Amino acid sequence: MASGSWTLEIEFSVQASRIFKAAVLDWHSLAPKVVPEFVVSGVVLEGEGGAGSVRQLNFSPAIPFGYVKERLDFVDVDKLECKQTLVEGGHIGSKLETASTHFKFEPKAGGGSVLKVVSTYKFLPGVEDNEGEIVKSKETLTGIMKAAEGYLVANPSAYP
């Protein structure tokens, strides 16, 4: 079984703590507001939003699968860092055996912030890595994170 990973950095004009709260801790609530063309609804299924919590995001037909359930494996609010693992939905069981993503938000010199993302995955037997899907994943993640940034810029009192 093949495995792989990809990395991505995204710069923001807003504070790291604000984008972390909006795009990670409260993403299940904010996503349907800022990217309704992709995310129809979201809910925390288990826990209270911290490590061990499981949440589900339900997608529009614009996404090639109906939903994902993700577990927050690690959340460090002080370090603005988290790791989440897909536990159901998405390509889990059809293409992927496992998939997880690590997010780390850091303040940027001169203001704003940068997000460093590391996504790792393990394919099911017979499935090969597809560079086109990696590019699309990075573009989609960048787009939704930029939508969260746009919301924060337009709503300066949100997620203080």
N, C-alpha and C. Protein backbone atom coordinates (compact mmCIF):
# COMPACT_ATOMS: atom_id res chain seq x y z
N MET A 1 0.84 -1.19 0.00
CA MET A 1 0.00 0.00 0.00
C MET A 1 0.88 1.24 0.00
N ALA A 2 0.60 2.10 -0.92
CA ALA A 2 1.37 3.33 -1.03
C ALA A 2 0.85 4.37 -0.04
N SER A 3 1.76 5.20 0.38
CA SER A 3 1.37 6.32 1.24
C SER A 3 2.03 7.56 0.69
N GLY A 4 1.56 8.69 1.14
CA GLY A 4 2.12 9.93 0.66
C GLY A 4 1.79 11.09 1.56
N SER A 5 2.26 12.24 1.17
CA SER A 5 1.97 13.45 1.92
C SER A 5 2.15 14.65 1.01
N TRP A 6 1.58 15.75 1.43
CA TRP A 6 1.82 17.03 0.77
C TRP A 6 1.82 18.13 1.81
N THR A 7 2.46 19.23 1.46
CA THR A 7 2.53 20.38 2.35
C THR A 7 2.01 21.61 1.62
N LEU A 8 1.62 22.59 2.40
CA LEU A 8 1.08 23.83 1.85
C LEU A 8 1.26 24.94 2.87
N GLU A 9 1.55 26.14 2.40
CA GLU A 9 1.57 27.33 3.25
C GLU A 9 0.62 28.35 2.66
N ILE A 10 -0.18 28.96 3.53
CA ILE A 10 -1.13 30.00 3.12
C ILE A 10 -0.92 31.21 4.01
N GLU A 11 -0.77 32.37 3.40
CA GLU A 11 -0.61 33.61 4.17
C GLU A 11 -1.95 34.32 4.31
N PHE A 12 -2.13 34.94 5.48
CA PHE A 12 -3.35 35.67 5.79
C PHE A 12 -3.02 37.08 6.28
N SER A 13 -3.97 37.98 6.09
CA SER A 13 -3.81 39.35 6.58
C SER A 13 -4.34 39.50 8.00
N VAL A 14 -4.95 38.46 8.54
CA VAL A 14 -5.54 38.51 9.87
C VAL A 14 -4.67 37.77 10.89
N GLN A 15 -4.92 38.05 12.17
CA GLN A 15 -4.15 37.43 13.25
C GLN A 15 -4.31 35.91 13.23
N ALA A 16 -3.24 35.22 13.59
CA ALA A 16 -3.24 33.76 13.63
C ALA A 16 -4.32 33.22 14.57
N SER A 17 -4.50 33.85 15.72
CA SER A 17 -5.48 33.34 16.68
C SER A 17 -6.91 33.43 16.13
N ARG A 18 -7.20 34.47 15.38
CA ARG A 18 -8.55 34.63 14.82
C ARG A 18 -8.83 33.58 13.74
N ILE A 19 -7.89 33.39 12.84
CA ILE A 19 -8.11 32.43 11.76
C ILE A 19 -8.14 31.01 12.31
N PHE A 20 -7.35 30.73 13.34
CA PHE A 20 -7.38 29.41 13.99
C PHE A 20 -8.75 29.14 14.59
N LYS A 21 -9.28 30.11 15.34
CA LYS A 21 -10.60 29.93 15.95
C LYS A 21 -11.68 29.73 14.88
N ALA A 22 -11.63 30.53 13.84
CA ALA A 22 -12.67 30.47 12.81
C ALA A 22 -12.55 29.25 11.91
N ALA A 23 -11.36 29.01 11.39
CA ALA A 23 -11.18 27.98 10.37
C ALA A 23 -10.87 26.60 10.92
N VAL A 24 -10.61 26.49 12.21
CA VAL A 24 -10.36 25.18 12.81
C VAL A 24 -11.39 24.89 13.89
N LEU A 25 -11.38 25.67 14.97
CA LEU A 25 -12.22 25.35 16.11
C LEU A 25 -13.71 25.46 15.81
N ASP A 26 -14.11 26.44 15.00
CA ASP A 26 -15.53 26.65 14.73
C ASP A 26 -15.88 26.41 13.26
N TRP A 27 -15.04 25.68 12.54
CA TRP A 27 -15.25 25.50 11.10
C TRP A 27 -16.58 24.84 10.79
N HIS A 28 -17.02 23.92 11.62
CA HIS A 28 -18.30 23.24 11.38
C HIS A 28 -19.47 24.23 11.37
N SER A 29 -19.35 25.34 12.10
CA SER A 29 -20.40 26.37 12.11
C SER A 29 -20.19 27.43 11.04
N LEU A 30 -18.93 27.82 10.83
CA LEU A 30 -18.63 28.91 9.90
C LEU A 30 -18.67 28.48 8.44
N ALA A 31 -18.22 27.29 8.14
CA ALA A 31 -18.12 26.85 6.74
C ALA A 31 -19.41 27.01 5.94
N PRO A 32 -20.57 26.59 6.48
CA PRO A 32 -21.79 26.76 5.68
C PRO A 32 -22.12 28.22 5.38
N LYS A 33 -21.61 29.14 6.18
CA LYS A 33 -21.84 30.57 5.96
C LYS A 33 -20.91 31.14 4.90
N VAL A 34 -19.64 30.69 4.91
CA VAL A 34 -18.65 31.32 4.03
C VAL A 34 -18.37 30.54 2.75
N VAL A 35 -18.66 29.25 2.73
CA VAL A 35 -18.50 28.46 1.50
C VAL A 35 -19.72 27.55 1.30
N PRO A 36 -20.92 28.17 1.22
CA PRO A 36 -22.13 27.35 1.08
C PRO A 36 -22.17 26.57 -0.23
N GLU A 37 -21.38 26.98 -1.20
CA GLU A 37 -21.32 26.22 -2.46
C GLU A 37 -20.63 24.87 -2.27
N PHE A 38 -19.91 24.70 -1.18
CA PHE A 38 -19.23 23.44 -0.87
C PHE A 38 -19.79 22.75 0.38
N VAL A 39 -19.96 23.52 1.46
CA VAL A 39 -20.38 22.94 2.74
C VAL A 39 -21.82 23.35 3.04
N VAL A 40 -22.69 22.34 3.12
CA VAL A 40 -24.11 22.58 3.36
C VAL A 40 -24.38 22.74 4.85
N SER A 41 -23.73 21.90 5.67
CA SER A 41 -23.93 21.96 7.11
C SER A 41 -22.77 21.28 7.82
N GLY A 42 -22.67 21.56 9.12
CA GLY A 42 -21.65 20.93 9.94
C GLY A 42 -22.14 20.81 11.37
N VAL A 43 -21.65 19.79 12.06
CA VAL A 43 -22.10 19.55 13.43
C VAL A 43 -21.02 18.78 14.18
N VAL A 44 -20.91 19.07 15.48
CA VAL A 44 -20.05 18.28 16.36
C VAL A 44 -20.88 17.08 16.80
N LEU A 45 -20.39 15.87 16.53
CA LEU A 45 -21.09 14.65 16.87
C LEU A 45 -20.72 14.12 18.25
N GLU A 46 -19.44 14.30 18.62
CA GLU A 46 -18.94 13.82 19.90
C GLU A 46 -18.00 14.86 20.47
N GLY A 47 -18.03 15.05 21.77
CA GLY A 47 -17.11 15.97 22.42
C GLY A 47 -17.61 17.40 22.41
N GLU A 48 -16.69 18.29 22.82
CA GLU A 48 -17.04 19.70 22.93
C GLU A 48 -16.12 20.58 22.09
N GLY A 49 -15.54 20.01 21.04
CA GLY A 49 -14.70 20.80 20.14
C GLY A 49 -13.21 20.68 20.38
N GLY A 50 -12.82 20.01 21.46
CA GLY A 50 -11.40 19.83 21.75
C GLY A 50 -10.90 18.49 21.24
N ALA A 51 -9.72 18.10 21.69
CA ALA A 51 -9.13 16.83 21.29
C ALA A 51 -10.10 15.69 21.58
N GLY A 52 -10.22 14.79 20.63
CA GLY A 52 -11.13 13.66 20.76
C GLY A 52 -12.51 13.91 20.18
N SER A 53 -12.83 15.17 19.91
CA SER A 53 -14.13 15.50 19.34
C SER A 53 -14.22 14.98 17.90
N VAL A 54 -15.44 14.62 17.51
CA VAL A 54 -15.71 14.20 16.14
C VAL A 54 -16.76 15.13 15.58
N ARG A 55 -16.50 15.64 14.38
CA ARG A 55 -17.48 16.50 13.73
C ARG A 55 -17.70 16.02 12.31
N GLN A 56 -18.86 16.39 11.80
CA GLN A 56 -19.22 16.00 10.44
C GLN A 56 -19.51 17.24 9.63
N LEU A 57 -18.97 17.26 8.41
CA LEU A 57 -19.27 18.29 7.43
C LEU A 57 -20.01 17.63 6.28
N ASN A 58 -21.14 18.21 5.89
CA ASN A 58 -21.95 17.69 4.79
C ASN A 58 -21.79 18.61 3.59
N PHE A 59 -21.52 18.00 2.43
CA PHE A 59 -21.14 18.77 1.25
C PHE A 59 -22.24 18.85 0.21
N SER A 60 -22.11 19.87 -0.62
CA SER A 60 -22.99 20.05 -1.77
C SER A 60 -22.53 19.12 -2.90
N PRO A 61 -23.30 19.02 -3.97
CA PRO A 61 -22.88 18.20 -5.11
C PRO A 61 -21.58 18.70 -5.78
N ALA A 62 -21.10 19.88 -5.42
CA ALA A 62 -19.84 20.38 -5.99
C ALA A 62 -18.64 19.57 -5.51
N ILE A 63 -18.81 18.81 -4.44
CA ILE A 63 -17.74 17.97 -3.88
C ILE A 63 -18.05 16.52 -4.28
N PRO A 64 -17.02 15.74 -4.65
CA PRO A 64 -17.28 14.39 -5.17
C PRO A 64 -17.73 13.35 -4.13
N PHE A 65 -17.95 13.78 -2.89
CA PHE A 65 -18.49 12.88 -1.88
C PHE A 65 -19.41 13.70 -0.97
N GLY A 66 -20.33 13.02 -0.31
CA GLY A 66 -21.39 13.71 0.43
C GLY A 66 -20.99 14.31 1.77
N TYR A 67 -20.01 13.69 2.45
CA TYR A 67 -19.68 14.16 3.78
C TYR A 67 -18.31 13.63 4.20
N VAL A 68 -17.81 14.19 5.30
CA VAL A 68 -16.66 13.63 6.01
C VAL A 68 -16.95 13.72 7.50
N LYS A 69 -16.45 12.73 8.22
CA LYS A 69 -16.39 12.79 9.67
C LYS A 69 -14.92 12.87 10.02
N GLU A 70 -14.57 13.87 10.82
CA GLU A 70 -13.17 14.05 11.20
C GLU A 70 -13.05 14.11 12.72
N ARG A 71 -11.99 13.48 13.21
CA ARG A 71 -11.70 13.49 14.64
C ARG A 71 -10.56 14.47 14.89
N LEU A 72 -10.73 15.31 15.87
CA LEU A 72 -9.66 16.22 16.27
C LEU A 72 -8.75 15.44 17.23
N ASP A 73 -7.61 15.02 16.72
CA ASP A 73 -6.70 14.21 17.51
C ASP A 73 -5.91 15.01 18.52
N PHE A 74 -5.59 16.23 18.14
CA PHE A 74 -4.72 17.08 18.94
C PHE A 74 -5.14 18.51 18.71
N VAL A 75 -5.37 19.26 19.78
CA VAL A 75 -5.70 20.68 19.67
C VAL A 75 -4.89 21.41 20.73
N ASP A 76 -4.09 22.38 20.30
CA ASP A 76 -3.34 23.22 21.23
C ASP A 76 -3.70 24.67 20.91
N VAL A 77 -4.62 25.22 21.68
CA VAL A 77 -5.11 26.57 21.44
C VAL A 77 -4.00 27.60 21.63
N ASP A 78 -3.11 27.37 22.59
CA ASP A 78 -2.01 28.31 22.83
C ASP A 78 -1.02 28.35 21.68
N LYS A 79 -0.74 27.18 21.11
CA LYS A 79 0.23 27.11 19.99
C LYS A 79 -0.45 27.21 18.63
N LEU A 80 -1.79 27.35 18.63
CA LEU A 80 -2.57 27.49 17.40
C LEU A 80 -2.30 26.34 16.43
N GLU A 81 -2.47 25.15 16.95
CA GLU A 81 -2.09 23.96 16.22
C GLU A 81 -3.12 22.85 16.45
N CYS A 82 -3.37 22.06 15.41
CA CYS A 82 -4.24 20.91 15.59
C CYS A 82 -3.94 19.86 14.53
N LYS A 83 -4.34 18.64 14.84
CA LYS A 83 -4.26 17.54 13.89
C LYS A 83 -5.62 16.87 13.86
N GLN A 84 -6.10 16.61 12.65
CA GLN A 84 -7.38 15.93 12.52
C GLN A 84 -7.22 14.73 11.59
N THR A 85 -8.03 13.70 11.84
CA THR A 85 -8.00 12.49 11.05
C THR A 85 -9.39 12.23 10.50
N LEU A 86 -9.46 11.87 9.22
CA LEU A 86 -10.74 11.47 8.65
C LEU A 86 -11.08 10.09 9.18
N VAL A 87 -12.29 9.93 9.70
CA VAL A 87 -12.69 8.64 10.23
C VAL A 87 -13.79 7.99 9.39
N GLU A 88 -14.44 8.78 8.55
CA GLU A 88 -15.51 8.24 7.71
C GLU A 88 -15.81 9.25 6.61
N GLY A 89 -16.33 8.76 5.51
CA GLY A 89 -16.71 9.63 4.41
C GLY A 89 -15.52 10.04 3.58
N GLY A 90 -15.73 10.98 2.70
CA GLY A 90 -14.66 11.38 1.79
C GLY A 90 -14.21 10.19 0.99
N HIS A 91 -12.91 10.03 0.83
CA HIS A 91 -12.37 8.89 0.10
C HIS A 91 -11.97 7.74 1.02
N ILE A 92 -12.28 7.85 2.32
CA ILE A 92 -11.97 6.76 3.25
C ILE A 92 -12.79 5.53 2.86
N GLY A 93 -12.09 4.43 2.66
CA GLY A 93 -12.74 3.19 2.29
C GLY A 93 -12.88 2.97 0.81
N SER A 94 -12.81 4.03 0.00
CA SER A 94 -12.88 3.87 -1.46
C SER A 94 -11.52 4.02 -2.11
N LYS A 95 -10.74 4.99 -1.67
CA LYS A 95 -9.38 5.19 -2.18
C LYS A 95 -8.35 5.17 -1.06
N LEU A 96 -8.75 5.65 0.10
CA LEU A 96 -7.81 5.83 1.21
C LEU A 96 -8.11 4.91 2.38
N GLU A 97 -7.03 4.40 2.98
CA GLU A 97 -7.16 3.68 4.24
C GLU A 97 -7.17 4.67 5.39
N THR A 98 -6.26 5.64 5.35
CA THR A 98 -6.18 6.67 6.38
C THR A 98 -5.83 8.01 5.74
N ALA A 99 -6.20 9.08 6.43
CA ALA A 99 -5.82 10.43 6.01
C ALA A 99 -5.88 11.34 7.22
N SER A 100 -4.84 12.14 7.40
CA SER A 100 -4.83 13.11 8.49
C SER A 100 -4.16 14.40 8.02
N THR A 101 -4.50 15.47 8.71
CA THR A 101 -3.97 16.78 8.36
C THR A 101 -3.55 17.50 9.63
N HIS A 102 -2.37 18.09 9.58
CA HIS A 102 -1.83 18.87 10.69
C HIS A 102 -1.84 20.34 10.28
N PHE A 103 -2.43 21.19 11.11
CA PHE A 103 -2.52 22.63 10.86
C PHE A 103 -1.72 23.36 11.94
N LYS A 104 -0.90 24.30 11.53
CA LYS A 104 -0.13 25.14 12.47
C LYS A 104 -0.20 26.58 11.97
N PHE A 105 -0.80 27.45 12.76
CA PHE A 105 -0.92 28.87 12.42
C PHE A 105 0.16 29.63 13.19
N GLU A 106 0.85 30.52 12.48
CA GLU A 106 1.92 31.30 13.11
C GLU A 106 1.77 32.77 12.75
N PRO A 107 2.06 33.65 13.72
CA PRO A 107 2.08 35.09 13.40
C PRO A 107 3.16 35.36 12.36
N LYS A 108 2.91 36.34 11.53
CA LYS A 108 3.86 36.73 10.49
C LYS A 108 4.47 38.08 10.86
N ALA A 109 5.76 38.20 10.65
CA ALA A 109 6.44 39.48 10.92
C ALA A 109 5.74 40.58 10.13
N GLY A 110 5.45 41.68 10.78
CA GLY A 110 4.78 42.79 10.12
C GLY A 110 3.27 42.67 10.12
N GLY A 111 2.73 41.64 10.77
CA GLY A 111 1.28 41.47 10.85
C GLY A 111 0.79 40.30 10.02
N GLY A 112 -0.42 39.91 10.28
CA GLY A 112 -0.99 38.78 9.58
C GLY A 112 -0.47 37.46 10.13
N SER A 113 -0.63 36.41 9.36
CA SER A 113 -0.24 35.09 9.81
C SER A 113 0.01 34.17 8.63
N VAL A 114 0.54 33.01 8.94
CA VAL A 114 0.76 31.99 7.93
C VAL A 114 0.29 30.65 8.49
N LEU A 115 -0.35 29.88 7.65
CA LEU A 115 -0.79 28.53 8.00
C LEU A 115 0.14 27.55 7.31
N LYS A 116 0.65 26.61 8.09
CA LYS A 116 1.47 25.53 7.54
C LYS A 116 0.66 24.24 7.68
N VAL A 117 0.46 23.56 6.56
CA VAL A 117 -0.37 22.37 6.51
C VAL A 117 0.48 21.19 6.06
N VAL A 118 0.32 20.06 6.75
CA VAL A 118 0.93 18.80 6.31
C VAL A 118 -0.20 17.77 6.28
N SER A 119 -0.47 17.23 5.10
CA SER A 119 -1.49 16.21 4.95
C SER A 119 -0.80 14.89 4.63
N THR A 120 -1.16 13.83 5.35
CA THR A 120 -0.58 12.51 5.11
C THR A 120 -1.72 11.52 4.88
N TYR A 121 -1.43 10.51 4.06
CA TYR A 121 -2.47 9.55 3.72
C TYR A 121 -1.84 8.21 3.34
N LYS A 122 -2.68 7.19 3.43
CA LYS A 122 -2.28 5.84 3.04
C LYS A 122 -3.38 5.29 2.14
N PHE A 123 -2.98 4.90 0.94
CA PHE A 123 -3.94 4.39 -0.04
C PHE A 123 -4.35 2.95 0.26
N LEU A 124 -5.53 2.60 -0.21
CA LEU A 124 -5.94 1.20 -0.21
C LEU A 124 -5.13 0.46 -1.28
N PRO A 125 -5.01 -0.85 -1.17
CA PRO A 125 -4.25 -1.60 -2.17
C PRO A 125 -4.77 -1.33 -3.59
N GLY A 126 -3.83 -1.14 -4.50
CA GLY A 126 -4.17 -0.92 -5.90
C GLY A 126 -4.43 0.51 -6.29
N VAL A 127 -4.51 1.42 -5.32
CA VAL A 127 -4.77 2.83 -5.62
C VAL A 127 -3.42 3.55 -5.70
N GLU A 128 -3.28 4.36 -6.72
CA GLU A 128 -2.03 5.10 -6.95
C GLU A 128 -2.21 6.58 -6.62
N ASP A 129 -1.11 7.22 -6.27
CA ASP A 129 -1.08 8.66 -6.02
C ASP A 129 -1.46 9.39 -7.31
N ASN A 130 -2.21 10.46 -7.19
CA ASN A 130 -2.67 11.22 -8.34
C ASN A 130 -2.32 12.69 -8.11
N GLU A 131 -1.34 13.18 -8.84
CA GLU A 131 -0.88 14.57 -8.67
C GLU A 131 -2.01 15.58 -8.89
N GLY A 132 -2.91 15.27 -9.82
CA GLY A 132 -4.04 16.17 -10.08
C GLY A 132 -4.95 16.32 -8.87
N GLU A 133 -5.18 15.24 -8.14
CA GLU A 133 -6.01 15.31 -6.95
C GLU A 133 -5.32 16.09 -5.84
N ILE A 134 -4.00 15.97 -5.75
CA ILE A 134 -3.25 16.74 -4.75
C ILE A 134 -3.36 18.22 -5.04
N VAL A 135 -3.17 18.59 -6.30
CA VAL A 135 -3.28 20.00 -6.70
C VAL A 135 -4.68 20.52 -6.38
N LYS A 136 -5.70 19.74 -6.71
CA LYS A 136 -7.08 20.16 -6.44
C LYS A 136 -7.33 20.29 -4.94
N SER A 137 -6.79 19.36 -4.14
CA SER A 137 -6.94 19.45 -2.68
C SER A 137 -6.32 20.73 -2.15
N LYS A 138 -5.13 21.07 -2.63
CA LYS A 138 -4.46 22.29 -2.18
C LYS A 138 -5.24 23.53 -2.59
N GLU A 139 -5.74 23.54 -3.82
CA GLU A 139 -6.53 24.68 -4.30
C GLU A 139 -7.81 24.84 -3.49
N THR A 140 -8.48 23.72 -3.21
CA THR A 140 -9.73 23.77 -2.45
C THR A 140 -9.47 24.26 -1.03
N LEU A 141 -8.44 23.72 -0.37
CA LEU A 141 -8.11 24.16 0.98
C LEU A 141 -7.76 25.64 1.00
N THR A 142 -6.97 26.09 0.05
CA THR A 142 -6.62 27.51 -0.03
C THR A 142 -7.87 28.36 -0.20
N GLY A 143 -8.76 27.94 -1.08
CA GLY A 143 -9.99 28.69 -1.32
C GLY A 143 -10.87 28.81 -0.10
N ILE A 144 -11.04 27.71 0.63
CA ILE A 144 -11.91 27.79 1.80
C ILE A 144 -11.26 28.57 2.94
N MET A 145 -9.95 28.46 3.06
CA MET A 145 -9.25 29.25 4.09
C MET A 145 -9.30 30.75 3.76
N LYS A 146 -9.19 31.07 2.48
CA LYS A 146 -9.29 32.47 2.07
C LYS A 146 -10.71 33.00 2.28
N ALA A 147 -11.71 32.13 2.13
CA ALA A 147 -13.09 32.54 2.41
C ALA A 147 -13.25 32.86 3.90
N ALA A 148 -12.62 32.05 4.76
CA ALA A 148 -12.65 32.34 6.20
C ALA A 148 -11.95 33.66 6.49
N GLU A 149 -10.81 33.90 5.84
CA GLU A 149 -10.11 35.17 6.01
C GLU A 149 -11.00 36.34 5.58
N GLY A 150 -11.66 36.20 4.45
CA GLY A 150 -12.55 37.25 3.96
C GLY A 150 -13.66 37.56 4.96
N TYR A 151 -14.20 36.53 5.58
CA TYR A 151 -15.22 36.72 6.61
C TYR A 151 -14.65 37.51 7.78
N LEU A 152 -13.44 37.17 8.21
CA LEU A 152 -12.83 37.85 9.35
C LEU A 152 -12.51 39.31 9.03
N VAL A 153 -12.07 39.58 7.82
CA VAL A 153 -11.79 40.96 7.41
C VAL A 153 -13.08 41.77 7.41
N ALA A 154 -14.15 41.16 6.88
CA ALA A 154 -15.45 41.86 6.81
C ALA A 154 -16.12 41.99 8.18
N ASN A 155 -15.72 41.15 9.12
CA ASN A 155 -16.32 41.14 10.46
C ASN A 155 -15.22 41.22 11.51
N PRO A 156 -14.64 42.42 11.69
CA PRO A 156 -13.47 42.54 12.55
C PRO A 156 -13.70 42.19 14.02
N SER A 157 -14.94 42.13 14.47
CA SER A 157 -15.19 41.76 15.86
C SER A 157 -15.45 40.26 16.02
N ALA A 158 -15.49 39.51 14.92
CA ALA A 158 -15.74 38.06 14.98
C ALA A 158 -14.47 37.33 15.38
N TYR A 159 -14.62 36.35 16.22
CA TYR A 159 -13.50 35.49 16.66
C TYR A 159 -12.32 36.29 17.22
N PRO A 160 -12.58 37.08 18.25
CA PRO A 160 -11.49 37.91 18.81
C PRO A 160 -10.41 37.07 19.50
